[in-house]
Amino acid sequence: MAIRNHAAACAAVLTLYSSCGQVAAANFLEPGGTVTTDIDGEDPSIVSWPVIDWARNSPGSGYAQWDTFTVPFGPPGADENTPDFGDFNAADAQVEQTVQGGFITSGGNIYSFSSATAFEVTMPGNVVSPGSDAYFVAQIATLGNVIATPSVTLSYGDTFEELPFDGSLLTEDFESFGQSQTTVFYWQLNGVDPNNDFLLKFAAGGSSMSLDQLVIDTLTVGGSAPGDLDGNGAVEIADYLAWRDNFGTAGPGGDGNADGIVDAADFTLWRDNYAASGAGVVAVPEPSTFTALLVLGLSLAFVGGVDWFNRPKRAAKEAQS
C-alpha cells in the first residue's frame, strides 16, 4: 500500500473502507538507517536501527515486507500471505491470522471489529552453520487498536520456547481515524542451529486492530564457517576427510548442515566453500563416485570373505583333477 486505509475507523459503521481518511506510509527503519519519529505529544526525534548494521542482500541475511494481505484467517496457501513488497532469502515467509472473525479490507489489511486478532509469522532462518548468533527485527504497523506487547514472542528451533523481545521502540504513534502505530521489536539469539524457521507471534490488545504493514529483517553471524566439517575454524582438505570418514553416519563430524546425516549435501557445502576460499580445485571423488566405490569395496569384501561363494568353482576344479 502506498497509502494507508483506516479500516478500523470505518468498520464500526460498516461503511466502505475506501472512503476513510488516509495518511502516509508506515515509518519503517532500514538496517543501519534512521527515521524521524512522529509521536503525539512529543517533539520529533531521530531513532536508529537498534542492532548491528547489515545490508539486506548480505550473506546470512533475510528480508520480507508485506504491504497487503490476502487470507484473513487460517493457514494460507503456498503463495498466499507471502511477502508482496519485497524479500531476500524469504520468499516462503508467511503470515497467518489465527482468530475467527477477521477479514481483508479494501486496502489489503487484516481486520476484525468483533475479536482481537492474533498472528503467527513464519520466517526462514537462513542459518548455514551450527552455533551461529542471530538478530531478528520485526516492524509492525497497525491502525485502530494496538498490539498487546506481552503477546509479542519469538521462537526458534525444536523447543519452540517463546522468547520475549529484547527491546522495542516506536517510530510513530498518533491519532488519525483511530490509533496509528508503528513499533519495532528486536531480539538477539545465541547458538542457533540450521534447518529451523523463526516463528513470530503477536496479538491485538482488543477488537478493531487492523494489521496494515509488516517488515522482518534477520541476520545470522558467527558459528562454524560454512564448509568447516571438522569444526577447527578453517575450510580445508581435512574437512573432506572428515566427510569421507563419516559418510552415511549421523556425524557430528562431516555433518556440515547439521541435518543429522553425513551425505552428498555436506560434500557440496564443503566443495563450494573450499573453492570460494581461493584454495583452488582439488581432485576428490564426487559423492556419487564415492558411494559407488564404497559399495564396490563392500561387495568385493563380501565375495572374498564368504567361502560358499567360491565352493562351486573349487568343486569343479577338484573334479577335473
Protein backbone atom coordinates (compact mmCIF):
# COMPACT_ATOMS: atom_id res chain seq x y z
CA MET A 1 0.00 0.00 0.00
CA ALA A 2 1.44 3.35 -0.98
CA ILE A 3 -1.14 4.91 1.34
CA ARG A 4 -2.88 3.52 4.42
CA ASN A 5 -6.54 2.63 4.54
CA HIS A 6 -8.09 3.12 8.00
CA ALA A 7 -10.41 0.14 8.10
CA ALA A 8 -10.60 0.24 11.89
CA ALA A 9 -12.42 3.56 11.90
CA CYS A 10 -14.83 2.53 9.16
CA ALA A 11 -15.81 -0.92 10.37
CA ALA A 12 -17.90 0.34 13.29
CA VAL A 13 -20.38 1.93 10.92
CA LEU A 14 -19.90 -0.68 8.16
CA THR A 15 -19.06 1.89 5.50
CA LEU A 16 -16.81 1.37 2.54
CA TYR A 17 -13.19 1.35 3.66
CA SER A 18 -12.02 3.28 0.64
CA SER A 19 -13.95 6.34 1.88
CA CYS A 20 -11.89 6.64 5.07
CA GLY A 21 -9.11 9.12 5.71
CA GLN A 22 -5.59 8.21 4.66
CA VAL A 23 -2.10 9.03 5.93
CA ALA A 24 1.45 8.44 4.72
CA ALA A 25 3.12 5.01 4.55
CA ALA A 26 4.48 3.42 7.73
CA ASN A 27 7.60 4.89 9.28
CA PHE A 28 9.94 1.92 8.79
CA LEU A 29 13.66 1.68 9.51
CA GLU A 30 16.16 0.06 7.17
CA PRO A 31 19.17 -1.87 8.54
CA GLY A 32 21.75 0.65 9.65
CA GLY A 33 19.40 3.57 8.99
CA THR A 34 17.49 6.20 10.93
CA VAL A 35 13.99 7.71 10.85
CA THR A 36 12.33 10.73 12.40
CA THR A 37 9.60 9.80 14.86
CA ASP A 38 6.01 11.00 14.61
CA ILE A 39 4.52 10.58 18.08
CA ASP A 40 1.65 12.60 19.54
CA GLY A 41 2.73 14.86 22.38
CA GLU A 42 6.46 14.52 21.62
CA ASP A 43 8.88 16.55 19.56
CA PRO A 44 10.21 14.67 16.52
CA SER A 45 13.44 12.80 17.25
CA ILE A 46 15.88 10.62 15.36
CA VAL A 47 15.84 6.89 16.14
CA SER A 48 18.38 4.43 14.79
CA TRP A 49 18.43 0.79 13.79
CA PRO A 50 18.53 -1.00 17.17
CA VAL A 51 21.04 -3.80 16.47
CA ILE A 52 24.20 -4.26 14.38
CA ASP A 53 24.21 -2.92 10.82
CA TRP A 54 23.98 -5.04 7.69
CA ALA A 55 22.80 -4.81 4.10
CA ARG A 56 19.59 -6.55 3.09
CA ASN A 57 21.40 -8.65 0.47
CA SER A 58 24.35 -9.66 2.66
CA PRO A 59 25.21 -13.34 3.32
CA GLY A 60 23.18 -14.83 6.14
CA SER A 61 20.52 -12.14 5.97
CA GLY A 62 16.80 -12.36 5.30
CA TYR A 63 14.21 -9.72 4.49
CA ALA A 64 10.44 -9.84 4.00
CA GLN A 65 7.95 -6.99 3.65
CA TRP A 66 4.18 -7.11 3.39
CA ASP A 67 2.07 -4.20 2.18
CA THR A 68 -1.11 -6.18 1.52
CA PHE A 69 -2.56 -9.46 2.74
CA THR A 70 -4.91 -11.92 1.02
CA VAL A 71 -6.04 -14.50 3.62
CA PRO A 72 -7.86 -13.18 6.74
CA PHE A 73 -7.97 -16.38 8.80
CA GLY A 74 -6.36 -19.79 8.98
CA PRO A 75 -3.35 -21.35 7.26
CA PRO A 76 -2.68 -19.62 3.94
CA GLY A 77 -1.97 -21.46 0.72
CA ALA A 78 1.51 -21.83 -0.70
CA ASP A 79 1.51 -18.46 -2.46
CA GLU A 80 -0.78 -16.57 -0.08
CA ASN A 81 0.16 -14.02 2.60
CA THR A 82 3.74 -14.20 1.33
CA PRO A 83 5.83 -11.01 1.04
CA ASP A 84 4.35 -8.80 -1.68
CA PHE A 85 6.54 -5.70 -1.38
CA GLY A 86 9.98 -7.32 -1.34
CA ASP A 87 12.07 -10.17 0.03
CA PHE A 88 15.57 -11.61 0.18
CA ASN A 89 16.09 -15.26 1.17
CA ALA A 90 12.49 -15.19 2.43
CA ALA A 91 10.11 -15.84 -0.48
CA ASP A 92 8.43 -18.58 1.61
CA ALA A 93 7.77 -16.35 4.64
CA GLN A 94 4.07 -16.32 5.57
CA VAL A 95 1.58 -14.55 7.83
CA GLU A 96 -1.30 -16.46 9.44
CA GLN A 97 -4.15 -14.86 11.41
CA THR A 98 -5.38 -17.42 13.95
CA VAL A 99 -8.65 -15.99 15.33
CA GLN A 100 -12.01 -16.31 13.58
CA GLY A 101 -13.78 -13.14 12.57
CA GLY A 102 -11.05 -11.43 10.58
CA PHE A 103 -11.47 -10.19 7.02
CA ILE A 104 -9.49 -8.37 4.36
CA THR A 105 -10.20 -4.66 3.91
CA SER A 106 -10.30 -2.95 0.55
CA GLY A 107 -6.76 -1.73 1.25
CA GLY A 108 -5.45 -5.23 1.90
CA ASN A 109 -5.29 -5.07 5.70
CA ILE A 110 -6.33 -7.88 8.05
CA TYR A 111 -9.02 -6.56 10.40
CA SER A 112 -11.74 -7.64 12.83
CA PHE A 113 -14.24 -5.44 14.64
CA SER A 114 -15.57 -8.39 16.68
CA SER A 115 -12.45 -10.07 18.08
CA ALA A 116 -8.81 -9.48 19.00
CA THR A 117 -6.80 -10.77 16.07
CA ALA A 118 -3.65 -12.84 16.61
CA PHE A 119 -0.84 -13.53 14.18
CA GLU A 120 1.89 -16.07 13.53
CA VAL A 121 4.66 -15.15 11.09
CA THR A 122 6.99 -17.85 9.79
CA MET A 123 10.37 -16.59 8.60
CA PRO A 124 13.20 -18.75 7.17
CA GLY A 125 16.20 -18.89 9.45
CA ASN A 126 18.92 -18.72 6.74
CA VAL A 127 21.34 -20.31 9.20
CA VAL A 128 24.00 -22.27 7.34
CA SER A 129 26.33 -23.34 10.14
CA PRO A 130 25.88 -24.57 13.72
CA GLY A 131 26.38 -22.25 16.67
CA SER A 132 25.50 -19.03 14.88
CA ASP A 133 24.21 -15.88 16.53
CA ALA A 134 21.04 -14.39 15.06
CA TYR A 135 19.39 -10.98 15.02
CA PHE A 136 15.67 -10.68 14.36
CA VAL A 137 13.93 -7.31 13.86
CA ALA A 138 10.16 -7.02 13.30
CA GLN A 139 8.46 -3.72 12.41
CA ILE A 140 4.68 -3.84 12.70
CA ALA A 141 2.32 -1.09 11.54
CA THR A 142 -1.24 -1.18 12.89
CA LEU A 143 -4.36 1.01 12.78
CA GLY A 144 -7.21 1.33 15.26
CA ASN A 145 -6.40 -0.73 18.33
CA VAL A 146 -2.77 -1.50 19.20
CA ILE A 147 -0.63 -4.58 19.79
CA ALA A 148 -0.68 -6.21 23.24
CA THR A 149 3.07 -6.05 23.83
CA PRO A 150 3.22 -9.07 26.22
CA SER A 151 1.92 -11.18 23.32
CA VAL A 152 4.97 -10.46 21.16
CA THR A 153 7.28 -13.51 21.26
CA LEU A 154 9.81 -15.24 19.04
CA SER A 155 10.59 -18.94 18.94
CA TYR A 156 13.26 -20.86 17.06
CA GLY A 157 14.31 -24.48 16.91
CA ASP A 158 12.82 -27.70 18.18
CA THR A 159 11.97 -26.49 21.69
CA PHE A 160 9.57 -23.76 20.48
CA GLU A 161 10.43 -21.72 23.57
CA GLU A 162 8.65 -18.38 23.21
CA LEU A 163 11.14 -15.61 23.91
CA PRO A 164 10.07 -12.08 24.85
CA PHE A 165 11.65 -9.30 22.82
CA ASP A 166 14.95 -7.81 23.97
CA GLY A 167 13.79 -4.29 23.23
CA SER A 168 11.30 -2.17 21.31
CA LEU A 169 10.86 1.38 20.07
CA LEU A 170 8.11 3.46 18.47
CA THR A 171 8.65 5.27 15.20
CA GLU A 172 5.09 6.61 15.01
CA ASP A 173 2.10 6.76 17.35
CA PHE A 174 -0.69 9.26 16.66
CA GLU A 175 -4.45 9.59 16.44
CA SER A 176 -5.92 9.63 12.95
CA PHE A 177 -9.13 7.63 12.44
CA GLY A 178 -8.05 5.58 15.45
CA GLN A 179 -4.52 4.96 16.68
CA SER A 180 -1.82 4.73 14.02
CA GLN A 181 1.23 2.99 15.42
CA THR A 182 4.46 1.52 14.07
CA THR A 183 6.55 -0.47 16.57
CA VAL A 184 9.98 -2.07 16.21
CA PHE A 185 10.66 -5.24 18.22
CA TYR A 186 14.08 -6.89 18.23
CA TRP A 187 15.89 -9.98 19.52
CA GLN A 188 19.44 -11.33 19.65
CA LEU A 189 19.71 -15.13 19.82
CA ASN A 190 22.87 -17.06 20.63
CA GLY A 191 23.89 -20.52 19.45
CA VAL A 192 21.12 -21.15 16.91
CA ASP A 193 21.31 -24.15 14.58
CA PRO A 194 20.40 -24.69 10.92
CA ASN A 195 17.22 -26.10 9.41
CA ASN A 196 14.75 -24.24 11.60
CA ASP A 197 12.43 -21.32 10.94
CA PHE A 198 11.72 -18.33 13.13
CA LEU A 199 8.15 -18.06 14.44
CA LEU A 200 6.98 -14.58 15.45
CA LYS A 201 3.71 -14.27 17.39
CA PHE A 202 1.75 -11.15 18.32
CA ALA A 203 -1.86 -10.25 19.07
CA ALA A 204 -4.12 -7.22 19.26
CA GLY A 205 -4.93 -5.63 22.60
CA GLY A 206 -8.62 -5.90 21.72
CA SER A 207 -11.00 -5.85 18.79
CA SER A 208 -10.72 -3.37 15.91
CA MET A 209 -6.99 -3.63 15.26
CA SER A 210 -6.03 -3.55 11.59
CA LEU A 211 -2.69 -5.11 10.56
CA ASP A 212 -1.51 -2.64 7.97
CA GLN A 213 2.08 -3.46 7.06
CA LEU A 214 4.90 -5.67 8.31
CA VAL A 215 8.67 -5.83 7.79
CA ILE A 216 11.04 -8.51 9.10
CA ASP A 217 14.84 -8.49 8.86
CA THR A 218 17.13 -11.27 10.08
CA LEU A 219 20.86 -11.85 10.17
CA THR A 220 22.93 -14.80 11.31
CA VAL A 221 26.63 -14.41 12.05
CA GLY A 222 29.47 -16.41 13.56
CA GLY A 223 29.37 -20.10 14.31
CA SER A 224 31.44 -22.53 12.28
CA ALA A 225 32.40 -21.33 8.83
CA PRO A 226 30.20 -22.90 6.12
CA GLY A 227 32.08 -25.97 4.90
CA ASP A 228 34.12 -26.38 8.10
CA LEU A 229 33.18 -30.01 8.62
CA ASP A 230 35.62 -30.78 11.42
CA GLY A 231 34.95 -27.64 13.46
CA ASN A 232 38.52 -26.30 13.59
CA GLY A 233 37.58 -22.90 12.14
CA ALA A 234 39.03 -23.42 8.66
CA VAL A 235 37.70 -24.83 5.40
CA GLU A 236 40.41 -27.19 4.15
CA ILE A 237 41.21 -30.69 2.87
CA ALA A 238 40.85 -32.07 6.39
CA ASP A 239 37.13 -31.26 6.17
CA TYR A 240 36.81 -33.51 3.11
CA LEU A 241 38.48 -36.31 5.09
CA ALA A 242 36.02 -35.75 7.95
CA TRP A 243 33.17 -36.05 5.44
CA ARG A 244 34.65 -39.17 3.81
CA ASP A 245 35.30 -40.93 7.11
CA ASN A 246 31.80 -40.20 8.45
CA PHE A 247 29.81 -40.64 5.24
CA GLY A 248 26.43 -42.28 5.93
CA THR A 249 26.57 -41.70 9.69
CA ALA A 250 24.80 -39.18 11.92
CA GLY A 251 28.02 -37.22 12.47
CA PRO A 252 28.58 -34.82 14.04
CA GLY A 253 31.91 -34.85 12.19
CA GLY A 254 31.26 -34.23 8.49
CA ASP A 255 27.66 -33.07 9.02
CA GLY A 256 28.13 -29.52 7.78
CA ASN A 257 24.45 -28.57 7.57
CA ALA A 258 23.56 -30.24 10.89
CA ASP A 259 20.65 -32.22 9.45
CA GLY A 260 21.61 -35.43 11.27
CA ILE A 261 23.14 -37.29 8.31
CA VAL A 262 26.50 -37.03 6.56
CA ASP A 263 25.58 -37.12 2.90
CA ALA A 264 26.13 -35.54 -0.51
CA ALA A 265 24.72 -32.18 0.66
CA ASP A 266 27.57 -31.86 3.16
CA PHE A 267 30.12 -32.59 0.43
CA THR A 268 28.58 -29.87 -1.74
CA LEU A 269 28.70 -27.42 1.16
CA TRP A 270 32.40 -28.15 1.69
CA ARG A 271 33.30 -28.15 -2.03
CA ASP A 272 31.60 -24.82 -2.77
CA ASN A 273 33.10 -23.04 0.23
CA TYR A 274 36.54 -24.57 -0.27
CA ALA A 275 36.57 -23.25 -3.82
CA ALA A 276 35.27 -19.86 -2.67
CA SER A 277 38.13 -19.60 -0.19
CA GLY A 278 40.59 -19.42 -3.09
CA ALA A 279 42.29 -22.67 -2.14
CA GLY A 280 41.90 -23.97 -5.67
CA VAL A 281 40.43 -27.14 -7.09
CA VAL A 282 41.30 -30.50 -5.62
CA ALA A 283 40.68 -33.82 -7.32
CA VAL A 284 38.41 -35.65 -4.90
CA PRO A 285 35.65 -38.14 -5.70
CA GLU A 286 32.16 -36.71 -6.12
CA PRO A 287 29.54 -38.14 -3.74
CA SER A 288 28.11 -40.49 -6.38
CA THR A 289 31.58 -41.81 -7.22
CA PHE A 290 32.46 -42.19 -3.56
CA THR A 291 29.25 -44.11 -2.91
CA ALA A 292 29.87 -46.39 -5.87
CA LEU A 293 33.42 -47.11 -4.70
CA LEU A 294 32.15 -47.80 -1.21
CA VAL A 295 29.53 -50.24 -2.46
CA LEU A 296 32.08 -51.92 -4.74
CA GLY A 297 34.54 -52.28 -1.88
CA LEU A 298 31.92 -53.84 0.36
CA SER A 299 30.87 -56.21 -2.42
CA LEU A 300 34.44 -57.37 -3.03
CA ALA A 301 34.96 -57.88 0.67
CA PHE A 302 31.76 -59.91 0.82
CA VAL A 303 32.72 -62.09 -2.15
CA GLY A 304 36.21 -62.73 -0.85
CA GLY A 305 35.16 -63.40 2.69
CA VAL A 306 32.24 -65.81 2.24
CA ASP A 307 33.53 -69.30 1.49
CA TRP A 308 30.37 -70.78 -0.04
CA PHE A 309 30.54 -68.23 -2.83
CA ASN A 310 33.76 -69.93 -4.05
CA ARG A 311 32.86 -73.57 -3.40
CA PRO A 312 31.25 -74.39 -6.78
CA LYS A 313 34.42 -73.35 -8.61
CA ARG A 314 36.62 -75.23 -6.18
CA ALA A 315 34.45 -78.31 -6.51
CA ALA A 316 34.67 -78.11 -10.29
CA LYS A 317 38.48 -77.87 -10.18
CA GLU A 318 38.71 -80.83 -7.79
CA ALA A 319 36.51 -82.94 -10.12
CA GLN A 320 38.83 -82.20 -13.04
CA SER A 321 41.99 -83.13 -11.14
